[in-house]
Amino acid sequence: MTHRTSESRGWRRAAEDALYGPGGFYLRPGGPARHFRTSVHASPLYASAVARLLIATAREHGIAEPVLIDVGAGRGELLSGVLAALPPGFPVRAHAVERAPRPGGLDPRIEWHGSVPRGGSGLLFANEWLDNVPVDVAETDDDGVRRLVLVDDEGGERLGEEVGGADARWLDRWWPDAGPGTRAEIGRPRDEAWAGAAGALTAGLAVAVDYAHTAEARPVFGTLTGFRDGREVRPVPDGSCDLTAHVALDACASPTARLLSQREALGGLGVDAARPPLALASRDPAGYVRALSRAGEAAELTARGGLGDFTWLMQPVPGGGPPDRPGRRPALTDWTV
């Protein structure tokens, strides 16, 4: 368990301690995978789609040996899946970014980092990372003043000082006050975290995938919650559960970025939930069963009310450095997946 304290403090500090402090939720042996299921765990189709996106990004930018940077890599599940899905010999440098130690038995091609490596060209992918970047919570009191919500290790809350400075300006711009009793999660640390991660690329594409909301539909009571053993629970910053809140991805995005639903993004990457034709069942029964299974997995990844409701922030990084030296690798047009 994390270091215990009865002190009330803002949710940002409390969540940082509970998730990433000594004995924190994300640093425990075995990892948090048993507590929730992401798109990565739902189907290898997800990793295959990311592999296609990597190839397309490398081809578009003329990158002979692209990097693939997985931010919030967990235990390396996504990178392992992408490496397995890529064509044999595809020239990729795989980097996992995670605050937990490198797990045993991981593919030796994967480099493990505690922070985002800088200077590479290719694809940076952050699946359900930003929702675990801790943020403070504000609540409007009866006098219409937005105050920090303070919390102790048992989850007991009280209102603290008035929100000021850069946090107040962020709220005014991105999450306007909706009246007494309403809440907002102050997303400025996520904006900064995303700008730093995307800025690590010299050219390519930076993608963040998360449950999100935009300015026209901010939740008036916020979204902070906890997860333990696959169930949603009351958020308590004692290290026993995941602490997460949906992301204001429109605040993170650069002017050139696009926001797409996961249904749209995966559809564009060839993830198809259509059932195979019945004629295949008589011609190739085993092939029909495999195709039917893939369709079911694709349906889960793109389902309304489920994983399909994730938002993809797709942010191009134009680059401008010298091109890769030609002739060392096969042409990118030779690769398909």
C-alpha atoms as a PDB file:
ATOM      1  CA  MET A   1       0.000   0.000   0.000  1.00  0.00           C
ATOM      2  CA  THR A   2       1.043   3.608  -0.414  1.00  0.00           C
ATOM      3  CA  HIS A   3       2.236   5.762   2.444  1.00  0.00           C
ATOM      4  CA  ARG A   4      -0.819   6.598   4.524  1.00  0.00           C
ATOM      5  CA  THR A   5      -1.687  10.088   5.690  1.00  0.00           C
ATOM      6  CA  SER A   6      -4.767  11.677   7.186  1.00  0.00           C
ATOM      7  CA  GLU A   7      -3.838  14.966   5.543  1.00  0.00           C
ATOM      8  CA  SER A   8      -6.337  16.403   3.100  1.00  0.00           C
ATOM      9  CA  ARG A   9      -4.782  17.520  -0.176  1.00  0.00           C
ATOM     10  CA  GLY A  10      -5.862  18.175  -3.729  1.00  0.00           C
ATOM     11  CA  TRP A  11      -6.871  15.236  -5.893  1.00  0.00           C
ATOM     12  CA  ARG A  12      -3.863  15.709  -8.164  1.00  0.00           C
ATOM     13  CA  ARG A  13      -1.359  15.100  -5.382  1.00  0.00           C
ATOM     14  CA  ALA A  14      -3.491  12.389  -3.770  1.00  0.00           C
ATOM     15  CA  ALA A  15      -3.841  10.461  -7.036  1.00  0.00           C
ATOM     16  CA  GLU A  16      -0.133  10.828  -7.830  1.00  0.00           C
ATOM     17  CA  ASP A  17       0.728   9.213  -4.495  1.00  0.00           C
ATOM     18  CA  ALA A  18      -1.936   6.510  -4.807  1.00  0.00           C
ATOM     19  CA  LEU A  19      -1.090   5.514  -8.377  1.00  0.00           C
ATOM     20  CA  TYR A  20       2.645   6.093  -8.640  1.00  0.00           C
ATOM     21  CA  GLY A  21       4.028   6.484  -5.108  1.00  0.00           C
ATOM     22  CA  PRO A  22       5.812   3.661  -3.225  1.00  0.00           C
ATOM     23  CA  GLY A  23       3.570   0.602  -3.467  1.00  0.00           C
ATOM     24  CA  GLY A  24       1.197   2.543  -5.721  1.00  0.00           C
ATOM     25  CA  PHE A  25      -1.470   0.919  -7.858  1.00  0.00           C
ATOM     26  CA  TYR A  26       0.508   1.074 -11.120  1.00  0.00           C
ATOM     27  CA  LEU A  27       3.790  -0.077  -9.593  1.00  0.00           C
ATOM     28  CA  ARG A  28       2.585  -3.304  -8.034  1.00  0.00           C
ATOM     29  CA  PRO A  29       3.871  -6.682  -9.251  1.00  0.00           C
ATOM     30  CA  GLY A  30       1.630  -8.143 -11.931  1.00  0.00           C
ATOM     31  CA  GLY A  31       0.304  -4.765 -12.990  1.00  0.00           C
ATOM     32  CA  PRO A  32      -3.259  -3.453 -13.032  1.00  0.00           C
ATOM     33  CA  ALA A  33      -4.489  -5.541 -15.990  1.00  0.00           C
ATOM     34  CA  ARG A  34      -6.773  -7.698 -13.822  1.00  0.00           C
ATOM     35  CA  HIS A  35      -8.650  -4.599 -12.693  1.00  0.00           C
ATOM     36  CA  PHE A  36      -9.879  -3.460 -16.113  1.00  0.00           C
ATOM     37  CA  ARG A  37      -9.902  -4.506 -19.749  1.00  0.00           C
ATOM     38  CA  THR A  38      -8.705  -2.180 -22.489  1.00  0.00           C
ATOM     39  CA  SER A  39      -8.921  -2.404 -26.266  1.00  0.00           C
ATOM     40  CA  VAL A  40      -5.420  -3.874 -26.219  1.00  0.00           C
ATOM     41  CA  HIS A  41      -6.638  -6.824 -24.161  1.00  0.00           C
ATOM     42  CA  ALA A  42      -9.920  -7.203 -26.065  1.00  0.00           C
ATOM     43  CA  SER A  43      -8.491  -8.377 -29.380  1.00  0.00           C
ATOM     44  CA  PRO A  44      -5.243  -8.668 -31.377  1.00  0.00           C
ATOM     45  CA  LEU A  45      -7.123  -6.752 -34.099  1.00  0.00           C
ATOM     46  CA  TYR A  46      -6.304  -3.598 -32.158  1.00  0.00           C
ATOM     47  CA  ALA A  47      -2.541  -4.170 -32.322  1.00  0.00           C
ATOM     48  CA  SER A  48      -2.863  -5.091 -36.005  1.00  0.00           C
ATOM     49  CA  ALA A  49      -4.614  -1.779 -36.657  1.00  0.00           C
ATOM     50  CA  VAL A  50      -1.806   0.099 -34.887  1.00  0.00           C
ATOM     51  CA  ALA A  51       0.702  -1.832 -37.021  1.00  0.00           C
ATOM     52  CA  ARG A  52      -1.077  -0.643 -40.175  1.00  0.00           C
ATOM     53  CA  LEU A  53      -1.086   2.905 -38.841  1.00  0.00           C
ATOM     54  CA  LEU A  54       2.663   2.696 -38.190  1.00  0.00           C
ATOM     55  CA  ILE A  55       3.336   1.498 -41.747  1.00  0.00           C
ATOM     56  CA  ALA A  56       1.111   4.208 -43.224  1.00  0.00           C
ATOM     57  CA  THR A  57       2.794   6.895 -41.101  1.00  0.00           C
ATOM     58  CA  ALA A  58       6.276   5.752 -42.115  1.00  0.00           C
ATOM     59  CA  ARG A  59       5.273   5.674 -45.781  1.00  0.00           C
ATOM     60  CA  GLU A  60       3.658   9.122 -45.681  1.00  0.00           C
ATOM     61  CA  HIS A  61       6.686  10.741 -44.047  1.00  0.00           C
ATOM     62  CA  GLY A  62       9.344   8.740 -45.888  1.00  0.00           C
ATOM     63  CA  ILE A  63      10.794   7.290 -42.681  1.00  0.00           C
ATOM     64  CA  ALA A  64      12.992   4.281 -43.429  1.00  0.00           C
ATOM     65  CA  GLU A  65      13.273   3.070 -39.824  1.00  0.00           C
ATOM     66  CA  PRO A  66      10.340   4.459 -37.806  1.00  0.00           C
ATOM     67  CA  VAL A  67      10.049   4.524 -34.052  1.00  0.00           C
ATOM     68  CA  LEU A  68       6.947   3.221 -32.305  1.00  0.00           C
ATOM     69  CA  ILE A  69       6.595   4.805 -28.872  1.00  0.00           C
ATOM     70  CA  ASP A  70       3.915   3.358 -26.582  1.00  0.00           C
ATOM     71  CA  VAL A  71       3.212   5.824 -23.764  1.00  0.00           C
ATOM     72  CA  GLY A  72       1.625   4.221 -20.718  1.00  0.00           C
ATOM     73  CA  ALA A  73       2.747   0.830 -21.949  1.00  0.00           C
ATOM     74  CA  GLY A  74       1.507  -1.240 -19.010  1.00  0.00           C
ATOM     75  CA  ARG A  75       3.370  -4.528 -19.289  1.00  0.00           C
ATOM     76  CA  GLY A  76       4.170  -4.078 -22.975  1.00  0.00           C
ATOM     77  CA  GLU A  77       1.072  -5.852 -24.300  1.00  0.00           C
ATOM     78  CA  LEU A  78       0.393  -3.431 -27.174  1.00  0.00           C
ATOM     79  CA  LEU A  79       3.984  -3.294 -28.395  1.00  0.00           C
ATOM     80  CA  SER A  80       4.249  -7.076 -28.252  1.00  0.00           C
ATOM     81  CA  GLY A  81       1.081  -7.348 -30.335  1.00  0.00           C
ATOM     82  CA  VAL A  82       2.242  -4.788 -32.891  1.00  0.00           C
ATOM     83  CA  LEU A  83       5.617  -6.474 -33.328  1.00  0.00           C
ATOM     84  CA  ALA A  84       3.832  -9.781 -33.885  1.00  0.00           C
ATOM     85  CA  ALA A  85       1.503  -8.185 -36.466  1.00  0.00           C
ATOM     86  CA  LEU A  86       4.168  -6.393 -38.507  1.00  0.00           C
ATOM     87  CA  PRO A  87       5.619  -8.116 -41.585  1.00  0.00           C
ATOM     88  CA  PRO A  88       8.824 -10.051 -40.838  1.00  0.00           C
ATOM     89  CA  GLY A  89      11.838  -7.782 -41.017  1.00  0.00           C
ATOM     90  CA  PHE A  90       9.908  -4.515 -40.833  1.00  0.00           C
ATOM     91  CA  PRO A  91      12.462  -1.940 -39.604  1.00  0.00           C
ATOM     92  CA  VAL A  92      10.952  -0.555 -36.402  1.00  0.00           C
ATOM     93  CA  ARG A  93      12.476   0.657 -33.156  1.00  0.00           C
ATOM     94  CA  ALA A  94      10.010  -0.106 -30.352  1.00  0.00           C
ATOM     95  CA  HIS A  95       9.987   1.989 -27.166  1.00  0.00           C
ATOM     96  CA  ALA A  96       7.799   1.374 -24.118  1.00  0.00           C
ATOM     97  CA  VAL A  97       7.240   4.294 -21.721  1.00  0.00           C
ATOM     98  CA  GLU A  98       6.067   3.254 -18.261  1.00  0.00           C
ATOM     99  CA  ARG A  99       6.878   4.170 -14.675  1.00  0.00           C
ATOM    100  CA  ALA A 100       6.716   0.555 -13.539  1.00  0.00           C
ATOM    101  CA  PRO A 101       9.828  -1.644 -13.936  1.00  0.00           C
ATOM    102  CA  ARG A 102      10.350  -3.640 -17.119  1.00  0.00           C
ATOM    103  CA  PRO A 103       8.472  -6.963 -16.858  1.00  0.00           C
ATOM    104  CA  GLY A 104      10.341 -10.221 -17.256  1.00  0.00           C
ATOM    105  CA  GLY A 105      10.155 -12.111 -20.529  1.00  0.00           C
ATOM    106  CA  LEU A 106       9.406  -9.060 -22.668  1.00  0.00           C
ATOM    107  CA  ASP A 107      10.508  -9.115 -26.318  1.00  0.00           C
ATOM    108  CA  PRO A 108      14.168  -7.947 -26.274  1.00  0.00           C
ATOM    109  CA  ARG A 109      13.456  -5.652 -29.234  1.00  0.00           C
ATOM    110  CA  ILE A 110      11.394  -3.429 -26.920  1.00  0.00           C
ATOM    111  CA  GLU A 111      13.369  -0.699 -25.147  1.00  0.00           C
ATOM    112  CA  TRP A 112      11.975   0.314 -21.731  1.00  0.00           C
ATOM    113  CA  HIS A 113      11.921   3.960 -20.584  1.00  0.00           C
ATOM    114  CA  GLY A 114      10.672   5.907 -17.602  1.00  0.00           C
ATOM    115  CA  SER A 115      10.002   8.958 -19.794  1.00  0.00           C
ATOM    116  CA  VAL A 116       9.324   9.603 -23.477  1.00  0.00           C
ATOM    117  CA  PRO A 117      12.495   9.313 -25.587  1.00  0.00           C
ATOM    118  CA  ARG A 118      13.054  12.321 -27.808  1.00  0.00           C
ATOM    119  CA  GLY A 119      14.256  12.773 -31.353  1.00  0.00           C
ATOM    120  CA  GLY A 120      12.664   9.847 -33.201  1.00  0.00           C
ATOM    121  CA  SER A 121      10.406   9.915 -36.240  1.00  0.00           C
ATOM    122  CA  GLY A 122       7.385   7.644 -36.525  1.00  0.00           C
ATOM    123  CA  LEU A 123       4.303   6.900 -34.428  1.00  0.00           C
ATOM    124  CA  LEU A 124       3.710   7.821 -30.798  1.00  0.00           C
ATOM    125  CA  PHE A 125       0.665   6.000 -29.384  1.00  0.00           C
ATOM    126  CA  ALA A 126      -0.887   6.613 -25.964  1.00  0.00           C
ATOM    127  CA  ASN A 127      -3.751   4.233 -25.205  1.00  0.00           C
ATOM    128  CA  GLU A 128      -5.603   5.166 -21.996  1.00  0.00           C
ATOM    129  CA  TRP A 129      -2.649   7.126 -20.652  1.00  0.00           C
ATOM    130  CA  LEU A 130      -3.978  10.657 -20.248  1.00  0.00           C
ATOM    131  CA  ASP A 131      -6.923   9.572 -18.099  1.00  0.00           C
ATOM    132  CA  ASN A 132      -4.363   8.472 -15.486  1.00  0.00           C
ATOM    133  CA  VAL A 133      -2.413  11.730 -15.529  1.00  0.00           C
ATOM    134  CA  PRO A 134      -3.597  13.099 -12.158  1.00  0.00           C
ATOM    135  CA  VAL A 135      -5.609  16.306 -12.097  1.00  0.00           C
ATOM    136  CA  ASP A 136      -7.152  18.498  -9.439  1.00  0.00           C
ATOM    137  CA  VAL A 137     -10.913  18.754  -9.021  1.00  0.00           C
ATOM    138  CA  ALA A 138     -12.791  22.025  -8.577  1.00  0.00           C
ATOM    139  CA  GLU A 139     -16.279  22.490  -7.135  1.00  0.00           C
ATOM    140  CA  THR A 140     -18.411  25.637  -7.175  1.00  0.00           C
ATOM    141  CA  ASP A 141     -19.570  26.607  -3.692  1.00  0.00           C
ATOM    142  CA  ASP A 142     -22.887  28.212  -2.725  1.00  0.00           C
ATOM    143  CA  ASP A 143     -21.435  31.673  -3.340  1.00  0.00           C
ATOM    144  CA  GLY A 144     -20.409  30.792  -6.893  1.00  0.00           C
ATOM    145  CA  VAL A 145     -16.690  30.508  -6.067  1.00  0.00           C
ATOM    146  CA  ARG A 146     -14.744  27.634  -7.638  1.00  0.00           C
ATOM    147  CA  ARG A 147     -12.678  25.917  -4.964  1.00  0.00           C
ATOM    148  CA  LEU A 148     -10.243  23.029  -4.930  1.00  0.00           C
ATOM    149  CA  VAL A 149     -11.671  19.760  -3.631  1.00  0.00           C
ATOM    150  CA  LEU A 150      -9.397  18.321  -0.939  1.00  0.00           C
ATOM    151  CA  VAL A 151      -9.403  14.604  -0.112  1.00  0.00           C
ATOM    152  CA  ASP A 152      -7.913  12.300   2.550  1.00  0.00           C
ATOM    153  CA  ASP A 153      -6.816   8.674   2.195  1.00  0.00           C
ATOM    154  CA  GLU A 154     -10.288   7.382   3.038  1.00  0.00           C
ATOM    155  CA  GLY A 155     -11.856   9.440   0.274  1.00  0.00           C
ATOM    156  CA  GLY A 156     -13.373  12.051   2.572  1.00  0.00           C
ATOM    157  CA  GLU A 157     -13.638  15.415   0.838  1.00  0.00           C
ATOM    158  CA  ARG A 158     -13.887  19.075   1.789  1.00  0.00           C
ATOM    159  CA  LEU A 159     -13.553  22.332  -0.110  1.00  0.00           C
ATOM    160  CA  GLY A 160     -10.282  24.223   0.043  1.00  0.00           C
ATOM    161  CA  GLU A 161      -8.979  27.479  -1.344  1.00  0.00           C
ATOM    162  CA  GLU A 162     -10.300  29.272  -4.405  1.00  0.00           C
ATOM    163  CA  VAL A 163      -8.842  28.074  -7.696  1.00  0.00           C
ATOM    164  CA  GLY A 164      -6.504  30.711  -9.096  1.00  0.00           C
ATOM    165  CA  GLY A 165      -3.749  31.374 -11.582  1.00  0.00           C
ATOM    166  CA  ALA A 166      -3.216  29.109 -14.582  1.00  0.00           C
ATOM    167  CA  ASP A 167      -5.779  26.591 -13.326  1.00  0.00           C
ATOM    168  CA  ALA A 168      -8.480  29.255 -13.138  1.00  0.00           C
ATOM    169  CA  ARG A 169      -7.614  30.440 -16.625  1.00  0.00           C
ATOM    170  CA  TRP A 170      -7.807  26.859 -17.917  1.00  0.00           C
ATOM    171  CA  LEU A 171     -11.258  26.442 -16.388  1.00  0.00           C
ATOM    172  CA  ASP A 172     -12.483  29.727 -17.850  1.00  0.00           C
ATOM    173  CA  ARG A 173     -11.301  28.652 -21.310  1.00  0.00           C
ATOM    174  CA  TRP A 174     -12.173  24.961 -21.332  1.00  0.00           C
ATOM    175  CA  TRP A 175     -14.720  24.162 -18.587  1.00  0.00           C
ATOM    176  CA  PRO A 176     -16.923  27.153 -17.730  1.00  0.00           C
ATOM    177  CA  ASP A 177     -18.759  27.200 -14.417  1.00  0.00           C
ATOM    178  CA  ALA A 178     -22.177  25.515 -14.422  1.00  0.00           C
ATOM    179  CA  GLY A 179     -23.354  26.749 -11.021  1.00  0.00           C
ATOM    180  CA  PRO A 180     -23.185  25.827  -7.313  1.00  0.00           C
ATOM    181  CA  GLY A 181     -22.502  22.158  -6.587  1.00  0.00           C
ATOM    182  CA  THR A 182     -21.065  21.394 -10.026  1.00  0.00           C
ATOM    183  CA  ARG A 183     -17.572  20.047 -10.572  1.00  0.00           C
ATOM    184  CA  ALA A 184     -14.777  20.178 -13.106  1.00  0.00           C
ATOM    185  CA  GLU A 185     -11.511  18.319 -13.525  1.00  0.00           C
ATOM    186  CA  ILE A 186      -8.691  20.785 -14.200  1.00  0.00           C
ATOM    187  CA  GLY A 187      -7.055  19.303 -17.280  1.00  0.00           C
ATOM    188  CA  ARG A 188      -4.062  21.624 -17.593  1.00  0.00           C
ATOM    189  CA  PRO A 189      -1.529  18.931 -16.489  1.00  0.00           C
ATOM    190  CA  ARG A 190      -2.836  16.658 -19.239  1.00  0.00           C
ATOM    191  CA  ASP A 191      -2.465  19.368 -21.862  1.00  0.00           C
ATOM    192  CA  GLU A 192       1.141  19.814 -20.768  1.00  0.00           C
ATOM    193  CA  ALA A 193       1.823  16.061 -20.614  1.00  0.00           C
ATOM    194  CA  TRP A 194       0.444  15.568 -24.120  1.00  0.00           C
ATOM    195  CA  ALA A 195       2.351  18.528 -25.554  1.00  0.00           C
ATOM    196  CA  GLY A 196       5.553  17.116 -24.090  1.00  0.00           C
ATOM    197  CA  ALA A 197       4.924  13.615 -25.431  1.00  0.00           C
ATOM    198  CA  ALA A 198       3.876  14.679 -28.924  1.00  0.00           C
ATOM    199  CA  GLY A 199       6.739  17.168 -29.014  1.00  0.00           C
ATOM    200  CA  ALA A 200       9.229  14.327 -28.549  1.00  0.00           C
ATOM    201  CA  LEU A 201       8.687  13.281 -32.184  1.00  0.00           C
ATOM    202  CA  THR A 202      10.646  15.000 -34.939  1.00  0.00           C
ATOM    203  CA  ALA A 203       8.163  13.818 -37.582  1.00  0.00           C
ATOM    204  CA  GLY A 204       5.232  11.439 -37.853  1.00  0.00           C
ATOM    205  CA  LEU A 205       1.967  11.079 -35.969  1.00  0.00           C
ATOM    206  CA  ALA A 206       1.029  11.299 -32.292  1.00  0.00           C
ATOM    207  CA  VAL A 207      -2.174   9.517 -31.203  1.00  0.00           C
ATOM    208  CA  ALA A 208      -3.952   9.602 -27.843  1.00  0.00           C
ATOM    209  CA  VAL A 209      -6.902   7.271 -27.219  1.00  0.00           C
ATOM    210  CA  ASP A 210      -9.174   7.773 -24.227  1.00  0.00           C
ATOM    211  CA  TYR A 211     -12.683   8.210 -22.940  1.00  0.00           C
ATOM    212  CA  ALA A 212     -13.157  11.913 -23.552  1.00  0.00           C
ATOM    213  CA  HIS A 213     -15.535  14.859 -23.690  1.00  0.00           C
ATOM    214  CA  THR A 214     -15.511  18.134 -25.565  1.00  0.00           C
ATOM    215  CA  ALA A 215     -16.463  21.692 -24.674  1.00  0.00           C
ATOM    216  CA  GLU A 216     -20.063  21.435 -25.851  1.00  0.00           C
ATOM    217  CA  ALA A 217     -20.777  18.494 -23.522  1.00  0.00           C
ATOM    218  CA  ARG A 218     -18.709  18.762 -20.353  1.00  0.00           C
ATOM    219  CA  PRO A 219     -20.153  16.583 -17.538  1.00  0.00           C
ATOM    220  CA  VAL A 220     -21.448  18.968 -14.876  1.00  0.00           C
ATOM    221  CA  PHE A 221     -20.388  16.740 -11.965  1.00  0.00           C
ATOM    222  CA  GLY A 222     -17.102  15.550 -13.448  1.00  0.00           C
ATOM    223  CA  THR A 223     -16.067  11.965 -14.168  1.00  0.00           C
ATOM    224  CA  LEU A 224     -13.541  11.013 -11.470  1.00  0.00           C
ATOM    225  CA  THR A 225     -14.018   7.382 -10.477  1.00  0.00           C
ATOM    226  CA  GLY A 226     -12.194   4.239  -9.360  1.00  0.00           C
ATOM    227  CA  PHE A 227     -11.827   0.706 -10.711  1.00  0.00           C
ATOM    228  CA  ARG A 228     -10.995  -2.447  -8.785  1.00  0.00           C
ATOM    229  CA  ASP A 229     -11.253  -6.077  -9.942  1.00  0.00           C
ATOM    230  CA  GLY A 230     -13.136  -5.072 -13.070  1.00  0.00           C
ATOM    231  CA  ARG A 231     -15.770  -3.061 -11.207  1.00  0.00           C
ATOM    232  CA  GLU A 232     -16.328   0.659 -10.879  1.00  0.00           C
ATOM    233  CA  VAL A 233     -15.885   1.763  -7.267  1.00  0.00           C
ATOM    234  CA  ARG A 234     -15.821   4.976  -5.273  1.00  0.00           C
ATOM    235  CA  PRO A 235     -12.523   6.786  -5.904  1.00  0.00           C
ATOM    236  CA  VAL A 236     -10.372   6.433  -2.797  1.00  0.00           C
ATOM    237  CA  PRO A 237      -6.702   7.513  -3.007  1.00  0.00           C
ATOM    238  CA  ASP A 238      -5.256   4.722  -0.858  1.00  0.00           C
ATOM    239  CA  GLY A 239      -3.551   2.753  -3.651  1.00  0.00           C
ATOM    240  CA  SER A 240      -6.175  -0.001  -3.697  1.00  0.00           C
ATOM    241  CA  CYS A 241      -7.873   1.030  -6.953  1.00  0.00           C
ATOM    242  CA  ASP A 242      -7.272   2.751 -10.242  1.00  0.00           C
ATOM    243  CA  LEU A 243      -8.179   6.443 -10.256  1.00  0.00           C
ATOM    244  CA  THR A 244      -9.301   7.807 -13.588  1.00  0.00           C
ATOM    245  CA  ALA A 245     -11.217  10.676 -15.135  1.00  0.00           C
ATOM    246  CA  HIS A 246     -12.271  11.277 -18.734  1.00  0.00           C
ATOM    247  CA  VAL A 247     -10.076  13.618 -20.746  1.00  0.00           C
ATOM    248  CA  ALA A 248     -10.839  17.015 -22.272  1.00  0.00           C
ATOM    249  CA  LEU A 249      -9.057  15.978 -25.455  1.00  0.00           C
ATOM    250  CA  ASP A 250     -10.115  19.102 -27.336  1.00  0.00           C
ATOM    251  CA  ALA A 251      -8.024  21.098 -24.866  1.00  0.00           C
ATOM    252  CA  CYS A 252      -5.010  18.839 -25.499  1.00  0.00           C
ATOM    253  CA  ALA A 253      -5.239  18.923 -29.291  1.00  0.00           C
ATOM    254  CA  SER A 254      -3.126  21.130 -31.538  1.00  0.00           C
ATOM    255  CA  PRO A 255      -4.929  23.148 -34.270  1.00  0.00           C
ATOM    256  CA  THR A 256      -3.986  20.516 -36.868  1.00  0.00           C
ATOM    257  CA  ALA A 257      -5.224  17.524 -34.855  1.00  0.00           C
ATOM    258  CA  ARG A 258      -8.375  15.518 -35.568  1.00  0.00           C
ATOM    259  CA  LEU A 259     -10.738  13.945 -33.047  1.00  0.00           C
ATOM    260  CA  LEU A 260     -12.383  10.703 -34.205  1.00  0.00           C
ATOM    261  CA  SER A 261     -14.426   8.056 -32.477  1.00  0.00           C
ATOM    262  CA  GLN A 262     -12.746   4.683 -32.164  1.00  0.00           C
ATOM    263  CA  ARG A 263     -15.407   3.336 -34.541  1.00  0.00           C
ATOM    264  CA  GLU A 264     -14.261   5.779 -37.213  1.00  0.00           C
ATOM    265  CA  ALA A 265     -10.563   5.356 -36.558  1.00  0.00           C
ATOM    266  CA  LEU A 266     -10.549   1.552 -36.541  1.00  0.00           C
ATOM    267  CA  GLY A 267     -12.894   1.432 -39.520  1.00  0.00           C
ATOM    268  CA  GLY A 268     -10.388   3.497 -41.459  1.00  0.00           C
ATOM    269  CA  LEU A 269      -7.677   1.030 -40.444  1.00  0.00           C
ATOM    270  CA  GLY A 270      -9.565  -1.977 -41.764  1.00  0.00           C
ATOM    271  CA  VAL A 271     -11.250  -3.284 -38.607  1.00  0.00           C
ATOM    272  CA  ASP A 272     -14.538  -4.608 -39.997  1.00  0.00           C
ATOM    273  CA  ALA A 273     -17.337  -6.013 -37.824  1.00  0.00           C
ATOM    274  CA  ALA A 274     -19.376  -7.311 -40.786  1.00  0.00           C
ATOM    275  CA  ARG A 275     -20.243 -11.000 -40.558  1.00  0.00           C
ATOM    276  CA  PRO A 276     -18.595 -13.211 -43.187  1.00  0.00           C
ATOM    277  CA  PRO A 277     -20.830 -14.485 -46.025  1.00  0.00           C
ATOM    278  CA  LEU A 278     -22.622 -17.741 -45.245  1.00  0.00           C
ATOM    279  CA  ALA A 279     -21.302 -19.205 -48.475  1.00  0.00           C
ATOM    280  CA  LEU A 280     -17.874 -19.321 -46.840  1.00  0.00           C
ATOM    281  CA  ALA A 281     -19.216 -21.764 -44.249  1.00  0.00           C
ATOM    282  CA  SER A 282     -19.744 -24.497 -46.830  1.00  0.00           C
ATOM    283  CA  ARG A 283     -16.633 -23.703 -48.855  1.00  0.00           C
ATOM    284  CA  ASP A 284     -14.226 -23.264 -45.914  1.00  0.00           C
ATOM    285  CA  PRO A 285     -15.825 -24.088 -42.528  1.00  0.00           C
ATOM    286  CA  ALA A 286     -12.660 -23.395 -40.513  1.00  0.00           C
ATOM    287  CA  GLY A 287     -12.103 -20.118 -42.346  1.00  0.00           C
ATOM    288  CA  TYR A 288     -15.712 -19.143 -41.680  1.00  0.00           C
ATOM    289  CA  VAL A 289     -15.304 -19.754 -37.937  1.00  0.00           C
ATOM    290  CA  ARG A 290     -12.124 -17.663 -37.868  1.00  0.00           C
ATOM    291  CA  ALA A 291     -13.782 -14.841 -39.802  1.00  0.00           C
ATOM    292  CA  LEU A 292     -16.811 -14.958 -37.516  1.00  0.00           C
ATOM    293  CA  SER A 293     -14.555 -14.714 -34.476  1.00  0.00           C
ATOM    294  CA  ARG A 294     -12.738 -11.718 -35.957  1.00  0.00           C
ATOM    295  CA  ALA A 295     -16.059 -10.019 -36.686  1.00  0.00           C
ATOM    296  CA  GLY A 296     -17.098 -10.510 -33.062  1.00  0.00           C
ATOM    297  CA  GLU A 297     -13.859  -9.017 -31.804  1.00  0.00           C
ATOM    298  CA  ALA A 298     -14.192  -6.097 -34.220  1.00  0.00           C
ATOM    299  CA  ALA A 299     -17.738  -5.525 -32.996  1.00  0.00           C
ATOM    300  CA  GLU A 300     -16.501  -5.267 -29.405  1.00  0.00           C
ATOM    301  CA  LEU A 301     -13.775  -2.802 -30.350  1.00  0.00           C
ATOM    302  CA  THR A 302     -16.239  -0.561 -32.206  1.00  0.00           C
ATOM    303  CA  ALA A 303     -19.396  -1.018 -30.101  1.00  0.00           C
ATOM    304  CA  ARG A 304     -21.541   1.980 -29.230  1.00  0.00           C
ATOM    305  CA  GLY A 305     -21.784   2.347 -25.475  1.00  0.00           C
ATOM    306  CA  GLY A 306     -18.490   0.481 -25.111  1.00  0.00           C
ATOM    307  CA  LEU A 307     -14.972   0.573 -26.533  1.00  0.00           C
ATOM    308  CA  GLY A 308     -16.192   2.189 -29.749  1.00  0.00           C
ATOM    309  CA  ASP A 309     -16.981   5.341 -27.784  1.00  0.00           C
ATOM    310  CA  PHE A 310     -13.324   6.074 -27.107  1.00  0.00           C
ATOM    311  CA  THR A 311     -11.971   9.178 -28.816  1.00  0.00           C
ATOM    312  CA  TRP A 312      -8.787   9.153 -30.910  1.00  0.00           C
ATOM    313  CA  LEU A 313      -6.779  12.376 -30.984  1.00  0.00           C
ATOM    314  CA  MET A 314      -4.654  12.142 -34.152  1.00  0.00           C
ATOM    315  CA  GLN A 315      -2.033  14.866 -34.260  1.00  0.00           C
ATOM    316  CA  PRO A 316       0.411  15.092 -37.190  1.00  0.00           C
ATOM    317  CA  VAL A 317       4.005  16.124 -36.552  1.00  0.00           C
ATOM    318  CA  PRO A 318       5.233  17.692 -39.820  1.00  0.00           C
ATOM    319  CA  GLY A 319       8.965  17.315 -39.245  1.00  0.00           C
ATOM    320  CA  GLY A 320      11.487  19.048 -41.467  1.00  0.00           C
ATOM    321  CA  GLY A 321      14.792  17.308 -40.815  1.00  0.00           C
ATOM    322  CA  PRO A 322      16.893  15.566 -43.488  1.00  0.00           C
ATOM    323  CA  PRO A 323      15.372  12.445 -45.039  1.00  0.00           C
ATOM    324  CA  ASP A 324      16.587   8.996 -44.058  1.00  0.00           C
ATOM    325  CA  ARG A 325      19.575   7.798 -46.088  1.00  0.00           C
ATOM    326  CA  PRO A 326      18.162   5.795 -49.028  1.00  0.00           C
ATOM    327  CA  GLY A 327      19.127   2.303 -50.005  1.00  0.00           C
ATOM    328  CA  ARG A 328      19.580   0.802 -46.532  1.00  0.00           C
ATOM    329  CA  ARG A 329      16.095  -0.713 -46.226  1.00  0.00           C
ATOM    330  CA  PRO A 330      13.385  -2.085 -48.515  1.00  0.00           C
ATOM    331  CA  ALA A 331      11.053   0.563 -49.892  1.00  0.00           C
ATOM    332  CA  LEU A 332       8.110   1.263 -47.581  1.00  0.00           C
ATOM    333  CA  THR A 333       5.718   0.533 -50.405  1.00  0.00           C
ATOM    334  CA  ASP A 334       6.879  -3.091 -50.167  1.00  0.00           C
ATOM    335  CA  TRP A 335       5.358  -3.493 -46.690  1.00  0.00           C
ATOM    336  CA  THR A 336       1.724  -4.413 -46.042  1.00  0.00           C
ATOM    337  CA  VAL A 337      -0.087  -5.895 -43.067  1.00  0.00           C
END
